[in-house]
């Protein structure tokens, strides 16, 4: 069966969706990193084809510092969808976005603050997927903060964006369980999938005004601040074992966590690749010592 078709009717999901109204609503998609492009891919599969994609400009990356497009731009280019990549959301950039005449926008990890002027140009609003159960963990690092706090559940929220950090009215939420050994690398893909599925399930009803977004209780807001580079360093000699384990899980995505040790009279940075938490002990399994290849931690400590 074609993945783009309904299993019961055999019709394309995009065709079925377009039958909901006599005139298809136009949508702009805002996003930059892989979390956005992965969501974009799932929405596209379900028949939501953006009329324009807005992303961050190409950045210099890698050893050669070559200009590299964002994952979302790459995905849009392959899908032959128009792309805008303004350096800033200036009045000129907003006017260019207005030119596409979109009825609503979907935002996933775009990376820029939306001015009220931009939010106001979409008659059906700006819809955002946030990877926590709002108002808990508003901000830049909801996945990491949930893991750091040893939460057992988290979730996704589809909100109607407001000109205040993650304070928009809630359209829908969905809980997602956090397993004991989940890291950001294993949890985030499940949240991306859950967020896309929730948006796909609720978007038609929202656009037909069958769902009334519910205001958040701001008094219960908890914030997830931006991660600082130094937080990724673990103290494996004197640090708390549970806290090291939680940091390892939360910061598992590149560049990961690390510690420093003395080796052959020199201070060496060692990246942690794999670890476990056993009987109250933080157990390191695989590492990459500075300037060396990945190895078993026991081999590293034995100096062989």
Protein backbone atom coordinates (compact mmCIF):
# COMPACT_ATOMS: atom_id res chain seq x y z
CA UNK A 1 0.00 0.00 0.00
CA UNK A 2 1.26 3.48 -0.89
CA UNK A 3 2.21 5.21 2.38
CA UNK A 4 0.52 8.34 1.11
CA UNK A 5 -2.85 6.60 0.76
CA UNK A 6 -5.58 5.73 3.22
CA UNK A 7 -5.59 1.96 3.94
CA UNK A 8 -9.40 1.77 3.99
CA UNK A 9 -10.37 3.98 1.03
CA UNK A 10 -7.25 3.80 -1.12
CA UNK A 11 -7.40 7.55 -1.68
CA UNK A 12 -4.41 9.80 -1.19
CA UNK A 13 -4.46 11.45 2.20
CA UNK A 14 -3.71 14.79 0.57
CA UNK A 15 -6.74 14.38 -1.72
CA UNK A 16 -8.96 13.44 1.21
CA UNK A 17 -7.73 16.43 3.18
CA UNK A 18 -8.34 18.81 0.30
CA UNK A 19 -11.93 17.54 0.11
CA UNK A 20 -12.56 19.13 3.53
CA UNK A 21 -13.02 22.54 1.94
CA UNK A 22 -13.53 23.99 -1.52
CA UNK A 23 -10.37 26.05 -1.23
CA UNK A 24 -7.13 24.66 0.16
CA UNK A 25 -5.64 26.70 2.99
CA UNK A 26 -2.08 27.84 2.34
CA UNK A 27 0.60 27.11 4.92
CA UNK A 28 4.11 28.37 5.67
CA UNK A 29 6.55 26.09 7.49
CA UNK A 30 9.24 27.60 9.74
CA UNK A 31 12.07 25.36 10.93
CA UNK A 32 15.83 24.87 10.84
CA UNK A 33 17.50 21.80 12.48
CA UNK A 34 16.85 18.11 11.95
CA UNK A 35 14.00 18.10 14.49
CA UNK A 36 12.19 20.44 12.09
CA UNK A 37 13.09 18.59 8.88
CA UNK A 38 12.03 15.26 10.42
CA UNK A 39 8.65 16.78 11.34
CA UNK A 40 8.42 18.36 7.90
CA UNK A 41 8.95 14.93 6.32
CA UNK A 42 6.17 13.33 8.37
CA UNK A 43 3.73 16.15 7.59
CA UNK A 44 4.64 16.03 3.92
CA UNK A 45 3.93 12.30 3.86
CA UNK A 46 0.43 13.03 5.19
CA UNK A 47 -0.30 15.53 2.43
CA UNK A 48 0.59 18.82 4.13
CA UNK A 49 2.69 20.52 1.48
CA UNK A 50 3.95 23.97 2.55
CA UNK A 51 3.62 26.82 0.09
CA UNK A 52 6.86 28.25 1.45
CA UNK A 53 9.53 27.11 3.89
CA UNK A 54 11.34 29.68 6.05
CA UNK A 55 14.62 28.64 7.63
CA UNK A 56 17.90 30.08 8.88
CA UNK A 57 20.62 31.06 6.38
CA UNK A 58 23.39 28.66 5.40
CA UNK A 59 26.09 28.36 8.08
CA UNK A 60 29.80 27.58 7.88
CA UNK A 61 30.36 24.07 9.21
CA UNK A 62 32.96 21.33 9.31
CA UNK A 63 36.71 21.49 9.18
CA UNK A 64 36.60 23.30 5.84
CA UNK A 65 34.06 25.80 7.19
CA UNK A 66 31.99 25.43 4.05
CA UNK A 67 28.58 27.09 3.79
CA UNK A 68 26.03 24.39 4.60
CA UNK A 69 22.23 24.63 4.28
CA UNK A 70 20.02 23.74 7.22
CA UNK A 71 18.45 20.25 7.22
CA UNK A 72 15.06 21.88 6.61
CA UNK A 73 16.32 23.81 3.60
CA UNK A 74 17.84 20.66 2.15
CA UNK A 75 14.54 18.82 2.61
CA UNK A 76 12.55 21.66 1.04
CA UNK A 77 14.91 21.93 -1.92
CA UNK A 78 14.57 18.20 -2.57
CA UNK A 79 10.77 18.54 -2.39
CA UNK A 80 10.94 21.55 -4.76
CA UNK A 81 9.25 23.87 -2.27
CA UNK A 82 10.14 27.60 -2.26
CA UNK A 83 12.60 28.53 0.50
CA UNK A 84 13.26 31.83 2.26
CA UNK A 85 16.28 32.16 4.53
CA UNK A 86 16.39 35.68 5.96
CA UNK A 87 19.20 36.64 8.30
CA UNK A 88 16.70 38.57 10.39
CA UNK A 89 12.92 38.93 10.41
CA UNK A 90 13.02 42.49 9.15
CA UNK A 91 9.97 44.30 7.72
CA UNK A 92 11.34 43.45 4.27
CA UNK A 93 11.60 39.75 5.13
CA UNK A 94 8.10 39.74 6.61
CA UNK A 95 6.76 41.43 3.47
CA UNK A 96 8.30 38.65 1.38
CA UNK A 97 6.60 36.04 3.56
CA UNK A 98 3.30 37.93 3.30
CA UNK A 99 3.61 37.68 -0.47
CA UNK A 100 2.89 33.96 -0.34
CA UNK A 101 -0.56 34.66 1.11
CA UNK A 102 -0.50 31.86 3.66
CA UNK A 103 -3.49 31.31 5.94
CA UNK A 104 -1.49 29.80 8.80
CA UNK A 105 2.03 28.79 9.76
CA UNK A 106 3.60 25.77 11.42
CA UNK A 107 6.74 26.39 13.47
CA UNK A 108 9.17 23.73 14.70
CA UNK A 109 12.53 24.84 16.13
CA UNK A 110 12.92 27.80 13.79
CA UNK A 111 15.52 29.52 15.97
CA UNK A 112 14.31 33.12 15.82
CA UNK A 113 11.86 35.06 17.95
CA UNK A 114 8.66 35.81 16.07
CA UNK A 115 7.71 39.51 16.20
CA UNK A 116 4.06 40.24 16.82
CA UNK A 117 3.86 41.70 13.31
CA UNK A 118 4.72 38.28 11.84
CA UNK A 119 2.37 36.36 14.13
CA UNK A 120 -0.46 38.68 13.13
CA UNK A 121 -0.21 38.15 9.36
CA UNK A 122 -1.66 34.64 9.46
CA UNK A 123 -5.48 34.62 9.70
CA UNK A 124 -5.54 31.12 11.21
CA UNK A 125 -2.59 31.78 13.49
CA UNK A 126 0.88 30.35 14.00
CA UNK A 127 0.94 26.77 15.26
CA UNK A 128 3.94 25.45 17.17
CA UNK A 129 4.96 21.98 18.33
CA UNK A 130 6.75 22.12 21.68
CA UNK A 131 8.39 19.07 23.23
CA UNK A 132 6.96 19.19 26.74
CA UNK A 133 3.57 19.36 28.42
CA UNK A 134 3.14 23.12 28.64
CA UNK A 135 3.29 25.19 30.79
CA UNK A 136 5.99 22.85 32.13
CA UNK A 137 9.40 23.29 30.55
CA UNK A 138 8.88 26.34 28.43
CA UNK A 139 12.06 27.36 26.66
CA UNK A 140 15.07 26.08 24.75
CA UNK A 141 15.80 22.67 26.31
CA UNK A 142 12.59 20.88 27.33
CA UNK A 143 13.85 17.39 26.42
CA UNK A 144 17.17 17.79 28.22
CA UNK A 145 15.55 19.35 31.28
CA UNK A 146 13.02 16.53 31.62
CA UNK A 147 15.87 14.01 31.59
CA UNK A 148 17.99 16.05 34.02
CA UNK A 149 15.07 16.13 36.43
CA UNK A 150 14.62 12.34 36.13
CA UNK A 151 11.04 12.70 34.91
CA UNK A 152 9.14 9.51 34.16
CA UNK A 153 6.85 11.13 31.61
CA UNK A 154 6.97 14.12 29.34
CA UNK A 155 5.05 14.86 26.17
CA UNK A 156 4.29 17.21 23.31
CA UNK A 157 2.10 20.27 23.05
CA UNK A 158 0.54 21.82 19.97
CA UNK A 159 0.07 25.49 20.83
CA UNK A 160 -1.15 28.61 19.07
CA UNK A 161 1.89 30.86 19.26
CA UNK A 162 1.78 34.09 21.23
CA UNK A 163 4.35 36.86 21.57
CA UNK A 164 5.72 35.35 24.78
CA UNK A 165 8.00 32.35 25.15
CA UNK A 166 5.93 29.15 24.81
CA UNK A 167 2.93 30.85 26.42
CA UNK A 168 0.42 30.28 23.62
CA UNK A 169 -3.02 28.77 24.05
CA UNK A 170 -2.94 24.96 23.99
CA UNK A 171 -4.59 23.18 21.07
CA UNK A 172 -3.70 19.62 22.11
CA UNK A 173 -1.25 17.61 24.25
CA UNK A 174 -0.01 14.03 24.33
CA UNK A 175 2.00 12.27 27.05
CA UNK A 176 5.11 10.27 26.21
CA UNK A 177 6.74 7.86 28.68
CA UNK A 178 10.44 8.21 29.51
CA UNK A 179 12.21 4.88 29.89
CA UNK A 180 14.90 4.34 32.55
CA UNK A 181 17.73 4.27 30.01
CA UNK A 182 16.35 6.87 27.60
CA UNK A 183 18.75 9.55 26.45
CA UNK A 184 18.02 12.62 24.37
CA UNK A 185 19.08 10.53 21.37
CA UNK A 186 16.36 7.93 21.96
CA UNK A 187 13.65 10.14 23.45
CA UNK A 188 13.68 12.98 20.93
CA UNK A 189 12.71 10.85 17.89
CA UNK A 190 9.68 9.52 19.78
CA UNK A 191 8.68 13.07 20.67
CA UNK A 192 9.09 14.19 17.05
CA UNK A 193 6.86 11.32 15.93
CA UNK A 194 4.30 12.04 18.65
CA UNK A 195 4.28 15.76 17.85
CA UNK A 196 3.76 15.20 14.14
CA UNK A 197 1.00 12.65 14.78
CA UNK A 198 -0.74 14.96 17.23
CA UNK A 199 -0.59 17.88 14.82
CA UNK A 200 -1.87 15.76 11.94
CA UNK A 201 -4.73 14.45 14.10
CA UNK A 202 -5.84 17.85 15.39
CA UNK A 203 -5.01 20.28 12.58
CA UNK A 204 -8.13 19.65 10.44
CA UNK A 205 -10.45 20.25 13.41
CA UNK A 206 -8.49 23.32 14.49
CA UNK A 207 -8.60 24.85 11.01
CA UNK A 208 -12.36 24.23 10.86
CA UNK A 209 -12.76 26.02 14.22
CA UNK A 210 -13.92 22.83 15.92
CA UNK A 211 -11.17 23.11 18.57
CA UNK A 212 -10.96 26.10 20.88
CA UNK A 213 -7.39 26.55 22.20
CA UNK A 214 -7.16 26.68 26.00
CA UNK A 215 -5.07 29.39 27.76
CA UNK A 216 -2.14 28.14 29.83
CA UNK A 217 -1.97 28.67 33.57
CA UNK A 218 1.06 30.94 33.74
CA UNK A 219 1.41 30.44 37.49
CA UNK A 220 2.48 26.84 36.80
CA UNK A 221 5.12 27.72 34.22
CA UNK A 222 8.52 26.03 34.56
CA UNK A 223 11.39 27.12 32.31
CA UNK A 224 14.03 25.05 30.53
CA UNK A 225 16.99 27.34 30.00
CA UNK A 226 19.58 27.12 27.24
CA UNK A 227 22.31 24.53 27.87
CA UNK A 228 25.77 25.89 28.63
CA UNK A 229 28.87 24.20 27.24
CA UNK A 230 30.47 23.68 30.65
CA UNK A 231 27.45 21.68 31.87
CA UNK A 232 28.52 18.79 29.67
CA UNK A 233 31.60 18.12 31.80
CA UNK A 234 31.20 15.34 34.38
CA UNK A 235 33.13 14.86 37.61
CA UNK A 236 33.58 11.09 37.66
CA UNK A 237 35.83 11.12 40.72
CA UNK A 238 33.87 13.17 43.23
CA UNK A 239 30.60 13.91 41.45
CA UNK A 240 27.23 12.43 42.40
CA UNK A 241 26.68 9.20 40.46
CA UNK A 242 22.99 9.82 39.78
CA UNK A 243 23.64 13.38 38.59
CA UNK A 244 26.36 12.12 36.25
CA UNK A 245 23.95 9.55 34.88
CA UNK A 246 21.22 12.14 34.34
CA UNK A 247 23.65 14.51 32.61
CA UNK A 248 24.90 11.70 30.40
CA UNK A 249 21.31 10.95 29.35
CA UNK A 250 20.30 14.58 28.88
CA UNK A 251 23.37 15.65 26.91
CA UNK A 252 23.82 12.49 24.83
CA UNK A 253 23.39 14.35 21.56
CA UNK A 254 26.53 15.77 19.94
CA UNK A 255 28.92 16.83 21.32
CA UNK A 256 27.84 14.65 24.27
CA UNK A 257 29.37 14.56 27.75
CA UNK A 258 33.02 14.31 28.75
CA UNK A 259 35.43 14.33 31.67
CA UNK A 260 39.07 15.28 32.15
CA UNK A 261 41.78 13.01 33.47
CA UNK A 262 45.56 12.88 33.77
CA UNK A 263 47.22 10.53 31.32
CA UNK A 264 51.00 10.28 30.84
CA UNK A 265 51.40 13.48 32.78
CA UNK A 266 48.99 15.43 30.60
CA UNK A 267 45.42 16.61 31.10
CA UNK A 268 43.23 14.71 28.64
CA UNK A 269 39.64 15.26 27.59
CA UNK A 270 37.67 12.01 27.30
CA UNK A 271 34.29 11.82 25.58
CA UNK A 272 31.75 9.37 26.99
CA UNK A 273 30.07 7.26 24.31
CA UNK A 274 28.21 4.68 26.39
CA UNK A 275 27.39 4.37 30.09
CA UNK A 276 25.01 2.67 32.51
CA UNK A 277 23.62 3.25 36.00
CA UNK A 278 23.94 0.11 38.12
CA UNK A 279 23.14 -0.19 41.82
CA UNK A 280 23.71 3.51 42.44
CA UNK A 281 26.95 3.59 40.44
CA UNK A 282 27.66 5.47 37.22
CA UNK A 283 29.42 2.92 35.00
CA UNK A 284 31.29 4.14 31.92
CA UNK A 285 31.48 1.56 29.12
CA UNK A 286 32.82 3.22 25.96
CA UNK A 287 34.90 6.39 25.50
CA UNK A 288 36.83 8.40 22.94
CA UNK A 289 40.03 9.79 24.48
CA UNK A 290 41.29 13.02 22.99
CA UNK A 291 43.20 12.30 19.77
CA UNK A 292 42.30 8.58 19.80
CA UNK A 293 39.63 6.23 18.49
CA UNK A 294 36.66 4.87 20.41
CA UNK A 295 37.57 2.15 22.90
CA UNK A 296 36.36 0.18 25.87
CA UNK A 297 36.71 2.24 29.06
CA UNK A 298 38.52 -0.60 30.81
CA UNK A 299 41.12 -0.64 28.05
CA UNK A 300 41.59 3.10 28.48
CA UNK A 301 41.97 2.93 32.25
CA UNK A 302 44.39 -0.01 32.02
CA UNK A 303 46.53 1.99 29.65
CA UNK A 304 46.72 -0.70 26.97
